[in-house]
C-alpha cells in the first residue's frame, strides 16, 4: 500500500483517516498556495509596543486572534468591535499561519 502524502490534503477529518494511513507525513510539494500581501497588518514602534496591528489601529493581530477563539461567531465580534472587517480576520489568520515559520513579507512598516 502506498502511504505517501497525496498532492492535496484529505477531505475527511484527520480522526477519520484509517489507521494504516496515519503514518503519512506532510511535506511541501511545491503546490502550496501563496499567502499574498498583508496590506492591513501594520507595525508602528510608538503604537502597541511595535506589535503587529490591524490597519494602524490600536488593536493587535494577537487580540483579533484571541477574539476569533473566544467568540463562537464572527457576527458577535463585529457587534462588539464594529470597526473590524472580515478581511481583517482573514489577514490576521494568514499572518499567524506564516509567522509560525517566520516567513513574513509584504507587511506595511511605518517608521
C-alpha atoms as a PDB file:
ATOM      1  CA  UNK A   1       0.000   0.000   0.000  1.00  0.00           C
ATOM      2  CA  UNK A   2       1.333   3.421  -0.945  1.00  0.00           C
ATOM      3  CA  UNK A   3       1.362   5.658   2.173  1.00  0.00           C
ATOM      4  CA  UNK A   4       2.985   8.715   0.614  1.00  0.00           C
ATOM      5  CA  UNK A   5       1.189  12.006   1.096  1.00  0.00           C
ATOM      6  CA  UNK A   6      -1.149  12.806  -1.810  1.00  0.00           C
ATOM      7  CA  UNK A   7      -0.792  16.149  -3.596  1.00  0.00           C
ATOM      8  CA  UNK A   8      -3.798  17.528  -1.747  1.00  0.00           C
ATOM      9  CA  UNK A   9      -4.946  17.145   1.818  1.00  0.00           C
ATOM     10  CA  UNK A  10      -7.661  14.563   2.516  1.00  0.00           C
ATOM     11  CA  UNK A  11     -11.219  15.875   2.510  1.00  0.00           C
ATOM     12  CA  UNK A  12     -12.032  13.921   5.670  1.00  0.00           C
ATOM     13  CA  UNK A  13     -11.053  14.991   9.182  1.00  0.00           C
ATOM     14  CA  UNK A  14      -7.789  13.557  10.476  1.00  0.00           C
ATOM     15  CA  UNK A  15      -9.690  11.478  13.039  1.00  0.00           C
ATOM     16  CA  UNK A  16     -11.494   9.688  10.194  1.00  0.00           C
ATOM     17  CA  UNK A  17      -8.313   8.636   8.362  1.00  0.00           C
ATOM     18  CA  UNK A  18      -7.782   4.877   8.589  1.00  0.00           C
ATOM     19  CA  UNK A  19      -5.055   3.728  10.970  1.00  0.00           C
ATOM     20  CA  UNK A  20      -2.994   2.369   8.046  1.00  0.00           C
ATOM     21  CA  UNK A  21      -2.740   5.896   6.651  1.00  0.00           C
ATOM     22  CA  UNK A  22      -1.972   7.582   9.987  1.00  0.00           C
ATOM     23  CA  UNK A  23       1.784   7.473   9.342  1.00  0.00           C
ATOM     24  CA  UNK A  24       1.515   9.996   6.493  1.00  0.00           C
ATOM     25  CA  UNK A  25       3.991  12.827   6.679  1.00  0.00           C
ATOM     26  CA  UNK A  26       3.047  16.284   5.482  1.00  0.00           C
ATOM     27  CA  UNK A  27       5.631  17.551   3.050  1.00  0.00           C
ATOM     28  CA  UNK A  28       5.993  20.566   0.845  1.00  0.00           C
ATOM     29  CA  UNK A  29       5.054  19.631  -2.701  1.00  0.00           C
ATOM     30  CA  UNK A  30       5.678  22.963  -4.391  1.00  0.00           C
ATOM     31  CA  UNK A  31       1.924  23.327  -4.882  1.00  0.00           C
ATOM     32  CA  UNK A  32       1.124  25.125  -1.618  1.00  0.00           C
ATOM     33  CA  UNK A  33      -0.894  28.348  -2.036  1.00  0.00           C
ATOM     34  CA  UNK A  34       0.901  31.663  -1.667  1.00  0.00           C
ATOM     35  CA  UNK A  35      -0.036  33.816   1.308  1.00  0.00           C
ATOM     36  CA  UNK A  36      -0.279  37.128  -0.547  1.00  0.00           C
ATOM     37  CA  UNK A  37       0.456  40.502   0.965  1.00  0.00           C
ATOM     38  CA  UNK A  38      -0.679  41.891   4.290  1.00  0.00           C
ATOM     39  CA  UNK A  39      -1.960  45.345   3.436  1.00  0.00           C
ATOM     40  CA  UNK A  40      -3.993  45.510   6.666  1.00  0.00           C
ATOM     41  CA  UNK A  41      -1.203  44.487   9.045  1.00  0.00           C
ATOM     42  CA  UNK A  42       0.945  47.409  10.213  1.00  0.00           C
ATOM     43  CA  UNK A  43       3.850  47.938  12.586  1.00  0.00           C
ATOM     44  CA  UNK A  44       4.465  51.258  14.307  1.00  0.00           C
ATOM     45  CA  UNK A  45       7.141  51.468  17.018  1.00  0.00           C
ATOM     46  CA  UNK A  46       5.122  54.006  19.051  1.00  0.00           C
ATOM     47  CA  UNK A  47       1.857  52.057  18.880  1.00  0.00           C
ATOM     48  CA  UNK A  48       1.120  48.899  20.913  1.00  0.00           C
ATOM     49  CA  UNK A  49       4.809  48.404  21.603  1.00  0.00           C
ATOM     50  CA  UNK A  50       5.581  47.904  17.907  1.00  0.00           C
ATOM     51  CA  UNK A  51       3.449  44.752  17.738  1.00  0.00           C
ATOM     52  CA  UNK A  52       1.564  43.966  14.513  1.00  0.00           C
ATOM     53  CA  UNK A  53      -1.740  45.839  14.432  1.00  0.00           C
ATOM     54  CA  UNK A  54      -4.802  45.926  12.213  1.00  0.00           C
ATOM     55  CA  UNK A  55      -4.875  48.876   9.793  1.00  0.00           C
ATOM     56  CA  UNK A  56      -2.847  51.159  12.062  1.00  0.00           C
ATOM     57  CA  UNK A  57      -5.446  50.996  14.821  1.00  0.00           C
ATOM     58  CA  UNK A  58      -4.672  50.155  18.420  1.00  0.00           C
ATOM     59  CA  UNK A  59      -5.849  46.576  18.130  1.00  0.00           C
ATOM     60  CA  UNK A  60      -3.167  43.942  17.732  1.00  0.00           C
ATOM     61  CA  UNK A  61      -3.271  40.930  15.470  1.00  0.00           C
ATOM     62  CA  UNK A  62      -2.962  38.828  18.613  1.00  0.00           C
ATOM     63  CA  UNK A  63      -6.121  40.414  20.064  1.00  0.00           C
ATOM     64  CA  UNK A  64      -8.035  39.693  16.845  1.00  0.00           C
ATOM     65  CA  UNK A  65      -6.886  36.069  17.009  1.00  0.00           C
ATOM     66  CA  UNK A  66      -7.992  35.890  20.656  1.00  0.00           C
ATOM     67  CA  UNK A  67     -11.393  37.267  19.660  1.00  0.00           C
ATOM     68  CA  UNK A  68     -11.731  34.620  16.950  1.00  0.00           C
ATOM     69  CA  UNK A  69     -11.095  31.963  19.587  1.00  0.00           C
ATOM     70  CA  UNK A  70     -13.338  33.486  22.267  1.00  0.00           C
ATOM     71  CA  UNK A  71     -16.394  34.317  20.164  1.00  0.00           C
ATOM     72  CA  UNK A  72     -18.341  31.467  18.584  1.00  0.00           C
ATOM     73  CA  UNK A  73     -19.472  33.608  15.613  1.00  0.00           C
ATOM     74  CA  UNK A  74     -17.774  36.456  13.791  1.00  0.00           C
ATOM     75  CA  UNK A  75     -21.038  38.387  13.792  1.00  0.00           C
ATOM     76  CA  UNK A  76     -20.750  38.566  17.584  1.00  0.00           C
ATOM     77  CA  UNK A  77     -17.254  40.033  17.296  1.00  0.00           C
ATOM     78  CA  UNK A  78     -18.484  42.654  14.846  1.00  0.00           C
ATOM     79  CA  UNK A  79     -21.236  43.714  17.286  1.00  0.00           C
ATOM     80  CA  UNK A  80     -18.642  44.461  19.967  1.00  0.00           C
ATOM     81  CA  UNK A  81     -15.907  45.637  17.563  1.00  0.00           C
ATOM     82  CA  UNK A  82     -17.764  47.310  14.665  1.00  0.00           C
ATOM     83  CA  UNK A  83     -14.571  48.829  13.244  1.00  0.00           C
ATOM     84  CA  UNK A  84     -13.242  45.372  12.304  1.00  0.00           C
ATOM     85  CA  UNK A  85     -13.955  43.894   8.883  1.00  0.00           C
ATOM     86  CA  UNK A  86     -13.984  40.355   7.512  1.00  0.00           C
ATOM     87  CA  UNK A  87     -10.691  40.890   5.667  1.00  0.00           C
ATOM     88  CA  UNK A  88      -9.087  41.879   8.997  1.00  0.00           C
ATOM     89  CA  UNK A  89      -9.940  38.399  10.309  1.00  0.00           C
ATOM     90  CA  UNK A  90      -8.610  36.722   7.185  1.00  0.00           C
ATOM     91  CA  UNK A  91      -5.311  38.584   7.227  1.00  0.00           C
ATOM     92  CA  UNK A  92      -4.843  38.021  10.965  1.00  0.00           C
ATOM     93  CA  UNK A  93      -5.263  34.275  10.434  1.00  0.00           C
ATOM     94  CA  UNK A  94      -2.944  34.248   7.401  1.00  0.00           C
ATOM     95  CA  UNK A  95      -0.372  36.312   9.304  1.00  0.00           C
ATOM     96  CA  UNK A  96      -0.477  33.839  12.197  1.00  0.00           C
ATOM     97  CA  UNK A  97      -0.014  30.951   9.790  1.00  0.00           C
ATOM     98  CA  UNK A  98       3.054  32.379   8.066  1.00  0.00           C
ATOM     99  CA  UNK A  99       4.704  33.683  11.228  1.00  0.00           C
ATOM    100  CA  UNK A 100       4.783  30.183  12.665  1.00  0.00           C
ATOM    101  CA  UNK A 101       7.758  29.675  10.343  1.00  0.00           C
ATOM    102  CA  UNK A 102       8.847  33.354  10.303  1.00  0.00           C
ATOM    103  CA  UNK A 103       8.193  33.765   6.568  1.00  0.00           C
ATOM    104  CA  UNK A 104       6.549  37.183   6.702  1.00  0.00           C
ATOM    105  CA  UNK A 105       6.794  39.534   3.738  1.00  0.00           C
ATOM    106  CA  UNK A 106       4.681  42.290   2.257  1.00  0.00           C
ATOM    107  CA  UNK A 107       3.848  43.997   5.578  1.00  0.00           C
ATOM    108  CA  UNK A 108       3.480  47.764   5.864  1.00  0.00           C
ATOM    109  CA  UNK A 109       6.143  49.090   8.228  1.00  0.00           C
ATOM    110  CA  UNK A 110       5.716  52.664   9.387  1.00  0.00           C
ATOM    111  CA  UNK A 111       8.858  54.462  10.528  1.00  0.00           C
END
